[in-house]
N, C-alpha and C. Protein backbone atom coordinates (compact mmCIF):
# COMPACT_ATOMS: atom_id res chain seq x y z
N MET A 1 15.04 22.83 16.74
CA MET A 1 14.12 21.98 15.98
C MET A 1 13.90 20.69 16.77
N SER A 2 12.66 20.24 16.88
CA SER A 2 12.37 19.00 17.60
C SER A 2 12.76 17.80 16.76
N GLU A 3 12.83 16.64 17.42
CA GLU A 3 13.21 15.41 16.72
C GLU A 3 12.18 14.99 15.70
N THR A 4 10.93 15.39 15.88
CA THR A 4 9.88 14.96 14.97
C THR A 4 9.63 15.93 13.82
N SER A 5 10.17 17.13 13.89
CA SER A 5 9.94 18.07 12.79
C SER A 5 11.02 17.88 11.73
N ALA A 6 10.61 18.05 10.50
CA ALA A 6 11.51 17.87 9.37
C ALA A 6 12.02 19.22 8.89
N PRO A 7 13.17 19.26 8.26
CA PRO A 7 13.65 20.52 7.69
C PRO A 7 12.65 21.02 6.64
N LYS A 8 12.62 22.32 6.45
CA LYS A 8 11.66 22.91 5.53
C LYS A 8 11.93 22.56 4.07
N ALA A 9 13.20 22.59 3.66
CA ALA A 9 13.52 22.34 2.25
C ALA A 9 13.82 20.86 2.04
N ARG A 10 13.14 20.27 1.08
CA ARG A 10 13.40 18.88 0.71
C ARG A 10 13.86 18.89 -0.73
N VAL A 11 15.13 18.62 -0.92
CA VAL A 11 15.71 18.74 -2.25
C VAL A 11 15.72 17.40 -2.99
N THR A 12 16.12 16.35 -2.29
CA THR A 12 16.28 15.06 -2.94
C THR A 12 15.21 14.08 -2.45
N GLY A 13 14.47 13.51 -3.38
CA GLY A 13 13.45 12.52 -3.02
C GLY A 13 14.07 11.15 -2.81
N LEU A 14 13.38 10.34 -2.04
CA LEU A 14 13.80 8.96 -1.81
C LEU A 14 12.91 8.04 -2.62
N GLU A 15 13.48 6.93 -3.07
CA GLU A 15 12.72 6.03 -3.93
C GLU A 15 12.13 4.84 -3.20
N CYS A 16 12.94 4.06 -2.52
CA CYS A 16 12.44 2.84 -1.90
C CYS A 16 13.47 2.28 -0.93
N VAL A 17 13.10 1.23 -0.24
CA VAL A 17 14.00 0.50 0.63
C VAL A 17 14.16 -0.90 0.06
N VAL A 18 15.38 -1.36 -0.05
CA VAL A 18 15.64 -2.73 -0.53
C VAL A 18 16.52 -3.42 0.51
N PRO A 19 15.93 -4.26 1.34
CA PRO A 19 16.73 -4.98 2.34
C PRO A 19 17.76 -5.89 1.68
N ILE A 20 18.89 -6.05 2.35
CA ILE A 20 19.93 -6.97 1.89
C ILE A 20 20.02 -8.09 2.91
N PHE A 21 19.76 -9.32 2.46
CA PHE A 21 19.82 -10.49 3.33
C PHE A 21 21.13 -11.23 3.12
N ARG A 22 21.81 -11.51 4.21
CA ARG A 22 23.01 -12.35 4.17
C ARG A 22 22.55 -13.79 3.99
N VAL A 23 23.10 -14.49 2.99
CA VAL A 23 22.73 -15.88 2.73
C VAL A 23 23.98 -16.76 2.71
N GLY A 24 23.81 -18.02 3.05
CA GLY A 24 24.92 -18.94 3.07
C GLY A 24 25.20 -19.56 1.71
N ASN A 25 24.16 -19.75 0.92
CA ASN A 25 24.28 -20.39 -0.38
C ASN A 25 23.41 -19.61 -1.36
N LEU A 26 24.05 -18.79 -2.17
CA LEU A 26 23.31 -17.90 -3.07
C LEU A 26 22.42 -18.65 -4.07
N PRO A 27 22.93 -19.68 -4.77
CA PRO A 27 22.04 -20.40 -5.71
C PRO A 27 20.82 -21.02 -5.02
N ALA A 28 21.00 -21.59 -3.83
CA ALA A 28 19.88 -22.20 -3.10
C ALA A 28 18.88 -21.13 -2.67
N SER A 29 19.37 -19.98 -2.26
CA SER A 29 18.48 -18.89 -1.85
C SER A 29 17.71 -18.34 -3.04
N ILE A 30 18.37 -18.18 -4.17
CA ILE A 30 17.69 -17.72 -5.39
C ILE A 30 16.58 -18.71 -5.75
N ASP A 31 16.89 -20.01 -5.71
CA ASP A 31 15.88 -21.03 -6.02
C ASP A 31 14.67 -20.90 -5.11
N TYR A 32 14.89 -20.72 -3.81
CA TYR A 32 13.78 -20.61 -2.86
C TYR A 32 12.91 -19.39 -3.17
N TYR A 33 13.55 -18.26 -3.39
CA TYR A 33 12.78 -17.04 -3.64
C TYR A 33 12.04 -17.11 -4.98
N VAL A 34 12.65 -17.73 -5.98
CA VAL A 34 12.01 -17.81 -7.30
C VAL A 34 10.97 -18.93 -7.34
N LYS A 35 11.36 -20.16 -7.00
CA LYS A 35 10.47 -21.32 -7.15
C LYS A 35 9.42 -21.43 -6.05
N ILE A 36 9.75 -21.05 -4.84
CA ILE A 36 8.82 -21.22 -3.73
C ILE A 36 8.02 -19.95 -3.43
N LEU A 37 8.70 -18.81 -3.41
CA LEU A 37 8.03 -17.56 -3.04
C LEU A 37 7.53 -16.73 -4.23
N GLY A 38 7.82 -17.16 -5.46
CA GLY A 38 7.27 -16.49 -6.64
C GLY A 38 7.92 -15.18 -7.03
N PHE A 39 9.15 -14.96 -6.57
CA PHE A 39 9.89 -13.78 -6.99
C PHE A 39 10.54 -14.06 -8.34
N LYS A 40 11.00 -13.02 -9.02
CA LYS A 40 11.77 -13.21 -10.26
C LYS A 40 13.20 -12.75 -10.00
N LEU A 41 14.12 -13.35 -10.70
CA LEU A 41 15.52 -12.96 -10.59
C LEU A 41 15.75 -11.74 -11.47
N ASP A 42 16.14 -10.63 -10.85
CA ASP A 42 16.39 -9.39 -11.60
C ASP A 42 17.80 -9.36 -12.17
N TRP A 43 18.76 -9.69 -11.32
CA TRP A 43 20.16 -9.78 -11.75
C TRP A 43 20.91 -10.63 -10.74
N HIS A 44 22.07 -11.11 -11.19
CA HIS A 44 22.82 -12.07 -10.37
C HIS A 44 24.31 -11.92 -10.66
N GLU A 45 25.07 -11.66 -9.64
CA GLU A 45 26.54 -11.65 -9.73
C GLU A 45 26.98 -12.91 -9.00
N PRO A 46 27.31 -14.00 -9.75
CA PRO A 46 27.59 -15.30 -9.13
C PRO A 46 28.60 -15.21 -7.98
N GLY A 47 28.25 -15.90 -6.88
CA GLY A 47 29.12 -15.95 -5.72
C GLY A 47 29.11 -14.71 -4.86
N ILE A 48 28.39 -13.67 -5.28
CA ILE A 48 28.41 -12.41 -4.54
C ILE A 48 27.00 -11.98 -4.14
N MET A 49 26.17 -11.63 -5.11
CA MET A 49 24.90 -10.99 -4.79
C MET A 49 23.89 -11.20 -5.91
N ALA A 50 22.61 -11.12 -5.54
CA ALA A 50 21.53 -11.19 -6.51
C ALA A 50 20.41 -10.27 -6.04
N SER A 51 19.57 -9.88 -6.98
CA SER A 51 18.37 -9.11 -6.67
C SER A 51 17.18 -9.91 -7.15
N VAL A 52 16.17 -10.03 -6.27
CA VAL A 52 14.93 -10.71 -6.63
C VAL A 52 13.78 -9.74 -6.35
N SER A 53 12.70 -9.89 -7.10
CA SER A 53 11.56 -9.00 -6.88
C SER A 53 10.26 -9.72 -7.20
N ARG A 54 9.21 -9.20 -6.59
CA ARG A 54 7.84 -9.64 -6.91
C ARG A 54 7.00 -8.39 -6.83
N ASN A 55 6.45 -8.02 -7.97
CA ASN A 55 5.72 -6.76 -8.10
C ASN A 55 6.63 -5.61 -7.69
N ARG A 56 6.23 -4.82 -6.70
CA ARG A 56 7.05 -3.67 -6.29
C ARG A 56 7.96 -3.98 -5.11
N CYS A 57 8.03 -5.24 -4.72
CA CYS A 57 8.87 -5.66 -3.59
C CYS A 57 10.20 -6.21 -4.12
N SER A 58 11.30 -5.64 -3.65
CA SER A 58 12.64 -6.10 -4.07
C SER A 58 13.46 -6.45 -2.84
N LEU A 59 14.29 -7.48 -2.98
CA LEU A 59 15.23 -7.90 -1.95
C LEU A 59 16.56 -8.21 -2.61
N MET A 60 17.64 -7.97 -1.90
CA MET A 60 18.96 -8.40 -2.36
C MET A 60 19.43 -9.54 -1.48
N LEU A 61 20.08 -10.49 -2.10
CA LEU A 61 20.64 -11.64 -1.41
C LEU A 61 22.15 -11.58 -1.58
N CYS A 62 22.88 -11.57 -0.47
CA CYS A 62 24.33 -11.42 -0.52
C CYS A 62 24.99 -12.62 0.16
N GLU A 63 25.83 -13.32 -0.57
CA GLU A 63 26.44 -14.54 -0.05
C GLU A 63 27.54 -14.24 0.96
N GLY A 64 27.28 -14.61 2.24
CA GLY A 64 28.27 -14.53 3.29
C GLY A 64 28.68 -13.14 3.73
N ASP A 65 27.90 -12.12 3.39
CA ASP A 65 28.30 -10.76 3.73
C ASP A 65 27.05 -9.88 3.87
N GLN A 66 27.23 -8.72 4.43
CA GLN A 66 26.22 -7.66 4.49
C GLN A 66 24.94 -8.10 5.20
N GLY A 67 25.00 -8.10 6.48
CA GLY A 67 23.80 -8.40 7.25
C GLY A 67 24.01 -9.54 8.21
N ASN A 68 22.94 -9.92 8.84
CA ASN A 68 22.97 -10.99 9.83
C ASN A 68 21.85 -11.98 9.58
N PRO A 69 22.10 -13.25 9.87
CA PRO A 69 21.03 -14.23 9.75
C PRO A 69 19.87 -13.86 10.67
N GLY A 70 18.68 -14.20 10.27
CA GLY A 70 17.52 -13.95 11.11
C GLY A 70 16.96 -12.55 11.02
N THR A 71 17.22 -11.82 9.96
CA THR A 71 16.66 -10.49 9.76
C THR A 71 15.16 -10.62 9.48
N TRP A 72 14.39 -9.69 10.02
CA TRP A 72 12.95 -9.65 9.76
C TRP A 72 12.63 -8.45 8.87
N VAL A 73 11.67 -8.65 7.96
CA VAL A 73 11.22 -7.56 7.10
C VAL A 73 9.70 -7.68 6.93
N TRP A 74 9.03 -6.53 6.94
CA TRP A 74 7.58 -6.50 6.74
C TRP A 74 7.31 -6.13 5.30
N ILE A 75 6.42 -6.89 4.65
CA ILE A 75 6.10 -6.67 3.24
C ILE A 75 4.58 -6.57 3.11
N GLY A 76 4.12 -5.44 2.61
CA GLY A 76 2.69 -5.27 2.39
C GLY A 76 2.23 -6.14 1.22
N ALA A 77 1.05 -6.74 1.37
CA ALA A 77 0.48 -7.60 0.33
C ALA A 77 -0.99 -7.23 0.13
N GLU A 78 -1.48 -7.45 -1.07
CA GLU A 78 -2.89 -7.16 -1.35
C GLU A 78 -3.82 -8.06 -0.55
N ASP A 79 -3.49 -9.37 -0.49
CA ASP A 79 -4.38 -10.34 0.14
C ASP A 79 -3.55 -11.47 0.74
N VAL A 80 -3.34 -11.42 2.04
CA VAL A 80 -2.50 -12.42 2.70
C VAL A 80 -3.12 -13.82 2.62
N GLU A 81 -4.45 -13.93 2.65
CA GLU A 81 -5.06 -15.25 2.57
C GLU A 81 -4.73 -15.94 1.25
N SER A 82 -4.80 -15.23 0.14
CA SER A 82 -4.45 -15.80 -1.16
C SER A 82 -2.97 -16.17 -1.22
N LEU A 83 -2.14 -15.29 -0.68
CA LEU A 83 -0.70 -15.56 -0.67
C LEU A 83 -0.39 -16.78 0.18
N PHE A 84 -1.07 -16.93 1.32
CA PHE A 84 -0.91 -18.08 2.19
C PHE A 84 -1.29 -19.36 1.44
N ALA A 85 -2.40 -19.35 0.72
CA ALA A 85 -2.83 -20.52 -0.06
C ALA A 85 -1.78 -20.88 -1.11
N GLU A 86 -1.24 -19.86 -1.78
CA GLU A 86 -0.18 -20.08 -2.77
C GLU A 86 1.04 -20.72 -2.12
N TYR A 87 1.48 -20.16 -0.99
CA TYR A 87 2.69 -20.65 -0.33
C TYR A 87 2.52 -22.04 0.27
N LYS A 88 1.30 -22.41 0.66
CA LYS A 88 1.07 -23.78 1.12
C LYS A 88 1.29 -24.76 -0.04
N LEU A 89 0.86 -24.36 -1.23
CA LEU A 89 1.02 -25.22 -2.41
C LEU A 89 2.48 -25.34 -2.84
N THR A 90 3.25 -24.26 -2.70
CA THR A 90 4.64 -24.28 -3.17
C THR A 90 5.61 -24.83 -2.14
N GLY A 91 5.14 -25.03 -0.90
CA GLY A 91 6.01 -25.60 0.13
C GLY A 91 6.83 -24.59 0.90
N ALA A 92 6.39 -23.34 0.95
CA ALA A 92 7.11 -22.34 1.74
C ALA A 92 7.07 -22.73 3.21
N LYS A 93 8.10 -22.33 3.94
CA LYS A 93 8.14 -22.60 5.38
C LYS A 93 7.32 -21.53 6.10
N VAL A 94 6.13 -21.91 6.52
CA VAL A 94 5.24 -21.00 7.23
C VAL A 94 5.63 -21.03 8.70
N ARG A 95 6.15 -19.94 9.18
CA ARG A 95 6.56 -19.83 10.58
C ARG A 95 5.35 -19.54 11.47
N HIS A 96 4.42 -18.72 10.96
CA HIS A 96 3.19 -18.39 11.68
C HIS A 96 2.11 -18.09 10.64
N PRO A 97 0.96 -18.77 10.72
CA PRO A 97 -0.08 -18.58 9.70
C PRO A 97 -0.72 -17.19 9.80
N PRO A 98 -1.54 -16.83 8.83
CA PRO A 98 -2.20 -15.52 8.87
C PRO A 98 -2.96 -15.33 10.19
N THR A 99 -2.71 -14.18 10.79
CA THR A 99 -3.29 -13.84 12.10
C THR A 99 -3.67 -12.37 12.08
N ASN A 100 -4.76 -12.05 12.75
CA ASN A 100 -5.24 -10.68 12.79
C ASN A 100 -4.60 -9.91 13.94
N TYR A 101 -4.12 -8.72 13.65
CA TYR A 101 -3.55 -7.81 14.64
C TYR A 101 -4.12 -6.42 14.39
N ALA A 102 -3.87 -5.50 15.29
CA ALA A 102 -4.35 -4.13 15.12
C ALA A 102 -3.72 -3.48 13.90
N TRP A 103 -2.48 -3.82 13.58
CA TRP A 103 -1.75 -3.17 12.49
C TRP A 103 -1.93 -3.85 11.14
N ALA A 104 -2.28 -5.15 11.12
CA ALA A 104 -2.39 -5.87 9.85
C ALA A 104 -2.92 -7.28 10.08
N TYR A 105 -3.35 -7.90 9.00
CA TYR A 105 -3.62 -9.33 8.97
C TYR A 105 -2.36 -9.91 8.34
N GLU A 106 -1.58 -10.64 9.13
CA GLU A 106 -0.23 -10.95 8.67
C GLU A 106 0.17 -12.38 8.96
N MET A 107 1.16 -12.85 8.18
CA MET A 107 1.75 -14.17 8.39
C MET A 107 3.26 -14.03 8.34
N GLN A 108 3.94 -15.04 8.88
CA GLN A 108 5.40 -15.07 8.88
C GLN A 108 5.88 -16.24 8.03
N ILE A 109 6.74 -15.95 7.07
CA ILE A 109 7.37 -16.96 6.22
C ILE A 109 8.86 -16.91 6.49
N GLU A 110 9.49 -18.08 6.65
CA GLU A 110 10.93 -18.12 6.92
C GLU A 110 11.67 -18.66 5.70
N ASP A 111 12.79 -18.03 5.38
CA ASP A 111 13.60 -18.50 4.25
C ASP A 111 14.67 -19.48 4.77
N PRO A 112 15.43 -20.12 3.88
CA PRO A 112 16.41 -21.12 4.32
C PRO A 112 17.53 -20.57 5.21
N ASN A 113 17.69 -19.26 5.26
CA ASN A 113 18.74 -18.63 6.07
C ASN A 113 18.21 -18.08 7.40
N GLY A 114 16.95 -18.36 7.71
CA GLY A 114 16.37 -17.91 8.96
C GLY A 114 15.81 -16.50 8.92
N HIS A 115 15.80 -15.86 7.75
CA HIS A 115 15.19 -14.54 7.63
C HIS A 115 13.67 -14.72 7.66
N VAL A 116 12.98 -13.78 8.30
CA VAL A 116 11.52 -13.87 8.43
C VAL A 116 10.88 -12.75 7.62
N LEU A 117 10.01 -13.15 6.70
CA LEU A 117 9.25 -12.20 5.89
C LEU A 117 7.85 -12.13 6.47
N ARG A 118 7.48 -10.96 6.98
CA ARG A 118 6.16 -10.75 7.55
C ARG A 118 5.29 -10.12 6.46
N PHE A 119 4.45 -10.93 5.83
CA PHE A 119 3.55 -10.44 4.79
C PHE A 119 2.26 -10.00 5.46
N GLY A 120 1.82 -8.77 5.18
CA GLY A 120 0.61 -8.27 5.82
C GLY A 120 -0.29 -7.51 4.88
N SER A 121 -1.59 -7.64 5.12
CA SER A 121 -2.60 -6.84 4.42
C SER A 121 -3.47 -6.16 5.49
N GLU A 122 -4.51 -5.50 5.08
CA GLU A 122 -5.36 -4.76 6.01
C GLU A 122 -5.90 -5.68 7.10
N PRO A 123 -6.00 -5.19 8.34
CA PRO A 123 -6.56 -6.02 9.41
C PRO A 123 -8.01 -6.38 9.12
N LYS A 124 -8.45 -7.49 9.68
CA LYS A 124 -9.83 -7.96 9.52
C LYS A 124 -10.69 -7.31 10.61
N THR A 125 -11.71 -6.57 10.21
CA THR A 125 -12.55 -5.90 11.18
C THR A 125 -13.53 -6.86 11.86
N ASP A 126 -13.74 -8.03 11.27
CA ASP A 126 -14.71 -8.99 11.82
C ASP A 126 -14.04 -10.14 12.58
N GLN A 127 -12.73 -10.02 12.87
CA GLN A 127 -12.03 -11.08 13.58
C GLN A 127 -11.29 -10.50 14.78
N PRO A 128 -11.21 -11.29 15.87
CA PRO A 128 -10.43 -10.82 17.03
C PRO A 128 -8.94 -10.87 16.71
N PHE A 129 -8.16 -10.21 17.54
CA PHE A 129 -6.71 -10.25 17.39
C PHE A 129 -6.20 -11.60 17.88
N GLY A 130 -5.14 -12.08 17.22
CA GLY A 130 -4.59 -13.38 17.56
C GLY A 130 -3.28 -13.30 18.30
N GLU A 131 -2.68 -14.46 18.48
CA GLU A 131 -1.42 -14.52 19.20
C GLU A 131 -0.27 -14.09 18.30
N TRP A 132 0.79 -13.60 18.93
CA TRP A 132 2.00 -13.15 18.26
C TRP A 132 3.11 -14.16 18.52
N LEU A 133 3.90 -14.47 17.49
CA LEU A 133 5.05 -15.35 17.63
C LEU A 133 6.30 -14.50 17.49
N ASP A 134 7.12 -14.42 18.56
CA ASP A 134 8.30 -13.56 18.52
C ASP A 134 9.50 -14.29 17.94
N ALA A 135 10.63 -13.63 17.90
CA ALA A 135 11.85 -14.17 17.28
C ALA A 135 12.36 -15.42 17.98
N ARG A 136 12.10 -15.55 19.28
CA ARG A 136 12.55 -16.73 20.03
C ARG A 136 11.59 -17.89 19.90
N GLY A 137 10.43 -17.66 19.29
CA GLY A 137 9.42 -18.70 19.19
C GLY A 137 8.42 -18.65 20.34
N ASP A 138 8.52 -17.64 21.20
CA ASP A 138 7.56 -17.48 22.29
C ASP A 138 6.26 -16.89 21.74
N ARG A 139 5.15 -17.34 22.31
CA ARG A 139 3.84 -16.87 21.89
C ARG A 139 3.31 -15.85 22.89
N TRP A 140 2.65 -14.82 22.36
CA TRP A 140 2.12 -13.72 23.16
C TRP A 140 0.67 -13.48 22.77
N MET A 141 -0.15 -13.15 23.76
CA MET A 141 -1.55 -12.79 23.51
C MET A 141 -1.83 -11.42 24.09
N ARG A 142 -2.71 -10.70 23.45
CA ARG A 142 -3.11 -9.39 23.93
C ARG A 142 -4.22 -9.57 24.97
N SER A 143 -4.02 -9.02 26.14
CA SER A 143 -5.02 -9.13 27.21
C SER A 143 -6.17 -8.17 26.94
N PRO A 144 -7.30 -8.35 27.64
CA PRO A 144 -8.42 -7.41 27.48
C PRO A 144 -8.00 -5.97 27.81
N ALA A 145 -6.98 -5.81 28.66
CA ALA A 145 -6.49 -4.46 29.01
C ALA A 145 -5.59 -3.89 27.92
N GLY A 146 -5.27 -4.69 26.89
CA GLY A 146 -4.45 -4.20 25.78
C GLY A 146 -2.97 -4.48 25.92
N ARG A 147 -2.56 -5.20 26.96
CA ARG A 147 -1.14 -5.53 27.15
C ARG A 147 -0.85 -6.90 26.55
N TRP A 148 0.36 -7.04 26.03
CA TRP A 148 0.79 -8.33 25.51
C TRP A 148 1.40 -9.14 26.66
N THR A 149 0.92 -10.37 26.81
CA THR A 149 1.44 -11.25 27.85
C THR A 149 1.87 -12.57 27.22
N LYS A 150 2.96 -13.09 27.74
CA LYS A 150 3.52 -14.33 27.22
C LYS A 150 2.59 -15.50 27.56
N VAL A 151 2.36 -16.36 26.56
CA VAL A 151 1.55 -17.55 26.75
C VAL A 151 2.48 -18.65 27.24
N GLU A 152 2.21 -19.16 28.40
CA GLU A 152 3.03 -20.23 28.97
C GLU A 152 2.69 -21.54 28.29
N ALA A 153 3.73 -22.29 27.91
CA ALA A 153 3.54 -23.60 27.27
C ALA A 153 2.91 -24.55 28.28
N GLY A 154 2.09 -25.43 27.78
CA GLY A 154 1.53 -26.40 28.71
C GLY A 154 0.27 -26.89 28.29
């Protein structure tokens, strides 16, 4: 069987993926996700873990355990421009504003623990592709040949 072919019988269905973010201060992280990013608190085990959600998107926050700082997660959104306007009003830390790419029209929001939430909606057909901001803060542009090249500061 090749690596890309699946077994014929599928017995158990999968439901969803819920990332677990390691946080340094659980109450502060809950506040950020609820007050700034518009999530709701689903449940909370003080000093250990909490679950927050917004619509069909769920995340777990775990104090001092389970994961690494600086985790990135991609979250589909109906309209990134509206979400960006909301987050500007609430004071979210915008790491990279909405930008058009081949895969999505997306923005990067950073939480107090350095985790990056990449919110994306459908790409804009009437806009060129923009620059990419990587984990180190380096900027990249897509060349006319389709290759990504680092933008030198200056």
